[in-house]
Amino acid sequence: MSRSDFGYRMAEVFGFDPEVIVPARMAEEKDIPPTPVDVSLNSDKLFQAVGFRGRGVGEGLRACQAALGY
């Protein structure tokens, strides 16, 4: 999931206006230090080791929404 896709999902769950999200490439920004293109995280080894499966993005965002009282 890209950063902008995450932003769109967050806007959907929290009721924010998705039109204000402007996808951009980090490499195109002059004032930001270089960052890796792929910042994905694979937690499969952790989940296997502890016998726990994390929430999906939508479920996690809805849990945050409930915890924050939105």
PDB file of N, CA and C in Angstrom:
ATOM      1  N   MET A   1       0.854  -1.167   0.000  1.00  0.00           N
ATOM      2  CA  MET A   1       0.000   0.000   0.000  1.00  0.00           C
ATOM      3  C   MET A   1       0.899   1.229   0.000  1.00  0.00           C
ATOM      4  N   SER A   2       0.635   2.131  -0.892  1.00  0.00           N
ATOM      5  CA  SER A   2       1.443   3.352  -0.963  1.00  0.00           C
ATOM      6  C   SER A   2       1.050   4.306   0.164  1.00  0.00           C
ATOM      7  N   ARG A   3       1.890   5.288   0.391  1.00  0.00           N
ATOM      8  CA  ARG A   3       1.594   6.280   1.434  1.00  0.00           C
ATOM      9  C   ARG A   3       0.315   7.042   1.095  1.00  0.00           C
ATOM     10  N   SER A   4       0.135   7.368  -0.186  1.00  0.00           N
ATOM     11  CA  SER A   4      -1.076   8.101  -0.562  1.00  0.00           C
ATOM     12  C   SER A   4      -2.314   7.214  -0.419  1.00  0.00           C
ATOM     13  N   ASP A   5      -2.208   5.924  -0.765  1.00  0.00           N
ATOM     14  CA  ASP A   5      -3.338   5.010  -0.567  1.00  0.00           C
ATOM     15  C   ASP A   5      -3.709   4.930   0.910  1.00  0.00           C
ATOM     16  N   PHE A   6      -2.698   4.905   1.778  1.00  0.00           N
ATOM     17  CA  PHE A   6      -2.968   4.901   3.221  1.00  0.00           C
ATOM     18  C   PHE A   6      -3.688   6.190   3.618  1.00  0.00           C
ATOM     19  N   GLY A   7      -3.253   7.302   3.056  1.00  0.00           N
ATOM     20  CA  GLY A   7      -3.914   8.579   3.336  1.00  0.00           C
ATOM     21  C   GLY A   7      -5.370   8.579   2.909  1.00  0.00           C
ATOM     22  N   TYR A   8      -5.644   7.999   1.728  1.00  0.00           N
ATOM     23  CA  TYR A   8      -7.027   7.903   1.263  1.00  0.00           C
ATOM     24  C   TYR A   8      -7.865   7.023   2.188  1.00  0.00           C
ATOM     25  N   ARG A   9      -7.305   5.918   2.637  1.00  0.00           N
ATOM     26  CA  ARG A   9      -8.031   5.032   3.566  1.00  0.00           C
ATOM     27  C   ARG A   9      -8.300   5.759   4.879  1.00  0.00           C
ATOM     28  N   MET A  10      -7.294   6.505   5.357  1.00  0.00           N
ATOM     29  CA  MET A  10      -7.454   7.253   6.599  1.00  0.00           C
ATOM     30  C   MET A  10      -8.549   8.320   6.443  1.00  0.00           C
ATOM     31  N   ALA A  11      -8.535   9.017   5.318  1.00  0.00           N
ATOM     32  CA  ALA A  11      -9.554  10.031   5.065  1.00  0.00           C
ATOM     33  C   ALA A  11     -10.939   9.406   5.046  1.00  0.00           C
ATOM     34  N   GLU A  12     -11.052   8.241   4.436  1.00  0.00           N
ATOM     35  CA  GLU A  12     -12.338   7.542   4.361  1.00  0.00           C
ATOM     36  C   GLU A  12     -12.859   7.184   5.751  1.00  0.00           C
ATOM     37  N   VAL A  13     -12.007   6.613   6.585  1.00  0.00           N
ATOM     38  CA  VAL A  13     -12.423   6.164   7.915  1.00  0.00           C
ATOM     39  C   VAL A  13     -12.733   7.344   8.837  1.00  0.00           C
ATOM     40  N   PHE A  14     -11.903   8.394   8.779  1.00  0.00           N
ATOM     41  CA  PHE A  14     -12.071   9.521   9.702  1.00  0.00           C
ATOM     42  C   PHE A  14     -12.978  10.624   9.163  1.00  0.00           C
ATOM     43  N   GLY A  15     -13.449  10.463   7.914  1.00  0.00           N
ATOM     44  CA  GLY A  15     -14.358  11.454   7.353  1.00  0.00           C
ATOM     45  C   GLY A  15     -13.670  12.717   6.877  1.00  0.00           C
ATOM     46  N   PHE A  16     -12.392  12.627   6.531  1.00  0.00           N
ATOM     47  CA  PHE A  16     -11.664  13.779   6.007  1.00  0.00           C
ATOM     48  C   PHE A  16     -11.877  13.891   4.504  1.00  0.00           C
ATOM     49  N   ASP A  17     -11.623  15.054   3.951  1.00  0.00           N
ATOM     50  CA  ASP A  17     -11.758  15.287   2.519  1.00  0.00           C
ATOM     51  C   ASP A  17     -10.565  14.690   1.779  1.00  0.00           C
ATOM     52  N   PRO A  18     -10.770  13.641   0.970  1.00  0.00           N
ATOM     53  CA  PRO A  18      -9.651  13.029   0.262  1.00  0.00           C
ATOM     54  C   PRO A  18      -9.086  13.909  -0.850  1.00  0.00           C
ATOM     55  N   GLU A  19      -9.833  14.938  -1.241  1.00  0.00           N
ATOM     56  CA  GLU A  19      -9.379  15.831  -2.320  1.00  0.00           C
ATOM     57  C   GLU A  19      -8.141  16.639  -1.926  1.00  0.00           C
ATOM     58  N   VAL A  20      -7.883  16.765  -0.628  1.00  0.00           N
ATOM     59  CA  VAL A  20      -6.715  17.544  -0.196  1.00  0.00           C
ATOM     60  C   VAL A  20      -5.428  16.716  -0.245  1.00  0.00           C
ATOM     61  N   ILE A  21      -5.558  15.416  -0.479  1.00  0.00           N
ATOM     62  CA  ILE A  21      -4.381  14.550  -0.575  1.00  0.00           C
ATOM     63  C   ILE A  21      -3.798  14.680  -1.974  1.00  0.00           C
ATOM     64  N   VAL A  22      -2.527  15.053  -2.024  1.00  0.00           N
ATOM     65  CA  VAL A  22      -1.838  15.208  -3.303  1.00  0.00           C
ATOM     66  C   VAL A  22      -0.675  14.225  -3.324  1.00  0.00           C
ATOM     67  N   PRO A  23      -0.830  13.122  -4.063  1.00  0.00           N
ATOM     68  CA  PRO A  23       0.269  12.159  -4.136  1.00  0.00           C
ATOM     69  C   PRO A  23       1.523  12.816  -4.705  1.00  0.00           C
ATOM     70  N   ALA A  24       2.655  12.520  -4.105  1.00  0.00           N
ATOM     71  CA  ALA A  24       3.927  13.072  -4.560  1.00  0.00           C
ATOM     72  C   ALA A  24       5.021  12.045  -4.329  1.00  0.00           C
ATOM     73  N   ARG A  25       6.054  12.135  -5.095  1.00  0.00           N
ATOM     74  CA  ARG A  25       7.201  11.246  -4.910  1.00  0.00           C
ATOM     75  C   ARG A  25       8.203  11.945  -4.008  1.00  0.00           C
ATOM     76  N   MET A  26       8.704  11.208  -3.021  1.00  0.00           N
ATOM     77  CA  MET A  26       9.679  11.780  -2.086  1.00  0.00           C
ATOM     78  C   MET A  26      10.908  12.289  -2.834  1.00  0.00           C
ATOM     79  N   ALA A  27      11.299  11.602  -3.895  1.00  0.00           N
ATOM     80  CA  ALA A  27      12.488  11.990  -4.655  1.00  0.00           C
ATOM     81  C   ALA A  27      12.325  13.351  -5.321  1.00  0.00           C
ATOM     82  N   GLU A  28      11.081  13.782  -5.526  1.00  0.00           N
ATOM     83  CA  GLU A  28      10.826  15.068  -6.179  1.00  0.00           C
ATOM     84  C   GLU A  28      10.872  16.244  -5.199  1.00  0.00           C
ATOM     85  N   GLU A  29      10.883  15.948  -3.918  1.00  0.00           N
ATOM     86  CA  GLU A  29      10.907  17.001  -2.903  1.00  0.00           C
ATOM     87  C   GLU A  29      12.347  17.385  -2.595  1.00  0.00           C
ATOM     88  N   LYS A  30      12.656  18.663  -2.694  1.00  0.00           N
ATOM     89  CA  LYS A  30      14.034  19.131  -2.522  1.00  0.00           C
ATOM     90  C   LYS A  30      14.499  19.166  -1.067  1.00  0.00           C
ATOM     91  N   ASP A  31      13.603  19.479  -0.156  1.00  0.00           N
ATOM     92  CA  ASP A  31      13.991  19.705   1.233  1.00  0.00           C
ATOM     93  C   ASP A  31      13.894  18.466   2.120  1.00  0.00           C
ATOM     94  N   ILE A  32      13.667  17.313   1.532  1.00  0.00           N
ATOM     95  CA  ILE A  32      13.546  16.079   2.301  1.00  0.00           C
ATOM     96  C   ILE A  32      14.763  15.204   2.013  1.00  0.00           C
ATOM     97  N   PRO A  33      15.425  14.710   3.049  1.00  0.00           N
ATOM     98  CA  PRO A  33      16.578  13.828   2.817  1.00  0.00           C
ATOM     99  C   PRO A  33      16.155  12.589   2.026  1.00  0.00           C
ATOM    100  N   PRO A  34      17.049  12.019   1.251  1.00  0.00           N
ATOM    101  CA  PRO A  34      16.702  10.828   0.466  1.00  0.00           C
ATOM    102  C   PRO A  34      16.195   9.696   1.362  1.00  0.00           C
ATOM    103  N   THR A  35      15.167   9.027   0.900  1.00  0.00           N
ATOM    104  CA  THR A  35      14.600   7.897   1.626  1.00  0.00           C
ATOM    105  C   THR A  35      14.485   6.707   0.677  1.00  0.00           C
ATOM    106  N   PRO A  36      14.476   5.503   1.206  1.00  0.00           N
ATOM    107  CA  PRO A  36      14.320   4.332   0.341  1.00  0.00           C
ATOM    108  C   PRO A  36      12.964   4.345  -0.359  1.00  0.00           C
ATOM    109  N   VAL A  37      12.912   3.818  -1.549  1.00  0.00           N
ATOM    110  CA  VAL A  37      11.663   3.743  -2.293  1.00  0.00           C
ATOM    111  C   VAL A  37      10.713   2.761  -1.621  1.00  0.00           C
ATOM    112  N   ASP A  38      11.243   1.630  -1.186  1.00  0.00           N
ATOM    113  CA  ASP A  38      10.414   0.597  -0.571  1.00  0.00           C
ATOM    114  C   ASP A  38      10.600   0.638   0.939  1.00  0.00           C
ATOM    115  N   VAL A  39       9.575   1.088   1.643  1.00  0.00           N
ATOM    116  CA  VAL A  39       9.628   1.132   3.107  1.00  0.00           C
ATOM    117  C   VAL A  39       8.597   0.171   3.699  1.00  0.00           C
ATOM    118  N   SER A  40       8.283  -0.851   2.922  1.00  0.00           N
ATOM    119  CA  SER A  40       7.287  -1.823   3.383  1.00  0.00           C
ATOM    120  C   SER A  40       7.851  -2.647   4.541  1.00  0.00           C
ATOM    121  N   LEU A  41       6.946  -3.219   5.290  1.00  0.00           N
ATOM    122  CA  LEU A  41       7.311  -4.014   6.452  1.00  0.00           C
ATOM    123  C   LEU A  41       6.619  -5.364   6.349  1.00  0.00           C
ATOM    124  N   ASN A  42       7.387  -6.416   6.462  1.00  0.00           N
ATOM    125  CA  ASN A  42       6.829  -7.762   6.473  1.00  0.00           C
ATOM    126  C   ASN A  42       6.960  -8.301   7.894  1.00  0.00           C
ATOM    127  N   SER A  43       5.821  -8.476   8.535  1.00  0.00           N
ATOM    128  CA  SER A  43       5.801  -8.914   9.934  1.00  0.00           C
ATOM    129  C   SER A  43       5.505 -10.395  10.088  1.00  0.00           C
ATOM    130  N   ASP A  44       5.546 -11.144   9.002  1.00  0.00           N
ATOM    131  CA  ASP A  44       5.193 -12.567   9.057  1.00  0.00           C
ATOM    132  C   ASP A  44       6.008 -13.348  10.084  1.00  0.00           C
ATOM    133  N   LYS A  45       7.318 -13.098  10.170  1.00  0.00           N
ATOM    134  CA  LYS A  45       8.161 -13.834  11.132  1.00  0.00           C
ATOM    135  C   LYS A  45       7.740 -13.530  12.565  1.00  0.00           C
ATOM    136  N   LEU A  46       7.438 -12.286  12.848  1.00  0.00           N
ATOM    137  CA  LEU A  46       6.987 -11.912  14.189  1.00  0.00           C
ATOM    138  C   LEU A  46       5.665 -12.594  14.505  1.00  0.00           C
ATOM    139  N   PHE A  47       4.715 -12.513  13.595  1.00  0.00           N
ATOM    140  CA  PHE A  47       3.409 -13.123  13.830  1.00  0.00           C
ATOM    141  C   PHE A  47       3.540 -14.624  14.047  1.00  0.00           C
ATOM    142  N   GLN A  48       4.410 -15.251  13.284  1.00  0.00           N
ATOM    143  CA  GLN A  48       4.619 -16.695  13.430  1.00  0.00           C
ATOM    144  C   GLN A  48       5.253 -17.018  14.783  1.00  0.00           C
ATOM    145  N   ALA A  49       6.205 -16.215  15.196  1.00  0.00           N
ATOM    146  CA  ALA A  49       6.918 -16.477  16.450  1.00  0.00           C
ATOM    147  C   ALA A  49       6.033 -16.287  17.680  1.00  0.00           C
ATOM    148  N   VAL A  50       5.159 -15.292  17.644  1.00  0.00           N
ATOM    149  CA  VAL A  50       4.349 -14.995  18.825  1.00  0.00           C
ATOM    150  C   VAL A  50       2.926 -15.535  18.722  1.00  0.00           C
ATOM    151  N   GLY A  51       2.578 -16.097  17.571  1.00  0.00           N
ATOM    152  CA  GLY A  51       1.236 -16.652  17.413  1.00  0.00           C
ATOM    153  C   GLY A  51       0.153 -15.605  17.397  1.00  0.00           C
ATOM    154  N   PHE A  52       0.459 -14.447  16.876  1.00  0.00           N
ATOM    155  CA  PHE A  52      -0.478 -13.328  16.854  1.00  0.00           C
ATOM    156  C   PHE A  52      -0.568 -12.795  15.441  1.00  0.00           C
ATOM    157  N   ARG A  53      -1.732 -12.411  15.017  1.00  0.00           N
ATOM    158  CA  ARG A  53      -1.908 -11.814  13.703  1.00  0.00           C
ATOM    159  C   ARG A  53      -2.437 -10.405  13.888  1.00  0.00           C
ATOM    160  N   GLY A  54      -1.767  -9.437  13.317  1.00  0.00           N
ATOM    161  CA  GLY A  54      -2.169  -8.041  13.454  1.00  0.00           C
ATOM    162  C   GLY A  54      -3.435  -7.727  12.678  1.00  0.00           C
ATOM    163  N   ARG A  55      -3.965  -6.572  12.918  1.00  0.00           N
ATOM    164  CA  ARG A  55      -5.162  -6.113  12.219  1.00  0.00           C
ATOM    165  C   ARG A  55      -4.815  -5.698  10.795  1.00  0.00           C
ATOM    166  N   GLY A  56      -5.805  -5.704   9.944  1.00  0.00           N
ATOM    167  CA  GLY A  56      -5.652  -5.127   8.614  1.00  0.00           C
ATOM    168  C   GLY A  56      -5.700  -3.610   8.716  1.00  0.00           C
ATOM    169  N   VAL A  57      -5.411  -2.937   7.651  1.00  0.00           N
ATOM    170  CA  VAL A  57      -5.372  -1.465   7.667  1.00  0.00           C
ATOM    171  C   VAL A  57      -6.719  -0.879   8.049  1.00  0.00           C
ATOM    172  N   GLY A  58      -7.771  -1.323   7.392  1.00  0.00           N
ATOM    173  CA  GLY A  58      -9.096  -0.775   7.691  1.00  0.00           C
ATOM    174  C   GLY A  58      -9.505  -1.005   9.133  1.00  0.00           C
ATOM    175  N   GLU A  59      -9.302  -2.227   9.606  1.00  0.00           N
ATOM    176  CA  GLU A  59      -9.666  -2.556  10.986  1.00  0.00           C
ATOM    177  C   GLU A  59      -8.833  -1.751  11.976  1.00  0.00           C
ATOM    178  N   GLY A  60      -7.553  -1.600  11.695  1.00  0.00           N
ATOM    179  CA  GLY A  60      -6.680  -0.822  12.572  1.00  0.00           C
ATOM    180  C   GLY A  60      -7.075   0.645  12.626  1.00  0.00           C
ATOM    181  N   LEU A  61      -7.416   1.209  11.473  1.00  0.00           N
ATOM    182  CA  LEU A  61      -7.833   2.613  11.441  1.00  0.00           C
ATOM    183  C   LEU A  61      -9.157   2.811  12.185  1.00  0.00           C
ATOM    184  N   ARG A  62     -10.077   1.863  12.012  1.00  0.00           N
ATOM    185  CA  ARG A  62     -11.349   1.964  12.736  1.00  0.00           C
ATOM    186  C   ARG A  62     -11.134   1.840  14.248  1.00  0.00           C
ATOM    187  N   ALA A  63     -10.183   1.009  14.672  1.00  0.00           N
ATOM    188  CA  ALA A  63      -9.867   0.900  16.100  1.00  0.00           C
ATOM    189  C   ALA A  63      -9.283   2.215  16.609  1.00  0.00           C
ATOM    190  N   CYS A  64      -8.419   2.838  15.824  1.00  0.00           N
ATOM    191  CA  CYS A  64      -7.866   4.148  16.205  1.00  0.00           C
ATOM    192  C   CYS A  64      -8.980   5.177  16.298  1.00  0.00           C
ATOM    193  N   GLN A  65      -9.878   5.136  15.331  1.00  0.00           N
ATOM    194  CA  GLN A  65     -11.017   6.063  15.323  1.00  0.00           C
ATOM    195  C   GLN A  65     -11.845   5.907  16.595  1.00  0.00           C
ATOM    196  N   ALA A  66     -12.140   4.672  16.958  1.00  0.00           N
ATOM    197  CA  ALA A  66     -12.929   4.418  18.173  1.00  0.00           C
ATOM    198  C   ALA A  66     -12.176   4.864  19.422  1.00  0.00           C
ATOM    199  N   ALA A  67     -10.881   4.589  19.483  1.00  0.00           N
ATOM    200  CA  ALA A  67     -10.077   4.961  20.650  1.00  0.00           C
ATOM    201  C   ALA A  67      -9.995   6.478  20.807  1.00  0.00           C
ATOM    202  N   LEU A  68     -10.005   7.183  19.674  1.00  0.00           N
ATOM    203  CA  LEU A  68      -9.915   8.646  19.716  1.00  0.00           C
ATOM    204  C   LEU A  68     -11.295   9.312  19.856  1.00  0.00           C
ATOM    205  N   GLY A  69     -12.338   8.517  19.746  1.00  0.00           N
ATOM    206  CA  GLY A  69     -13.690   9.058  19.895  1.00  0.00           C
ATOM    207  C   GLY A  69     -14.175   9.845  18.694  1.00  0.00           C
ATOM    208  N   TYR A  70     -13.706   9.514  17.490  1.00  0.00           N
ATOM    209  CA  TYR A  70     -14.148  10.209  16.275  1.00  0.00           C
ATOM    210  C   TYR A  70     -15.438   9.639  15.784  1.00  0.00           C
TER     211      TYR A  70
END
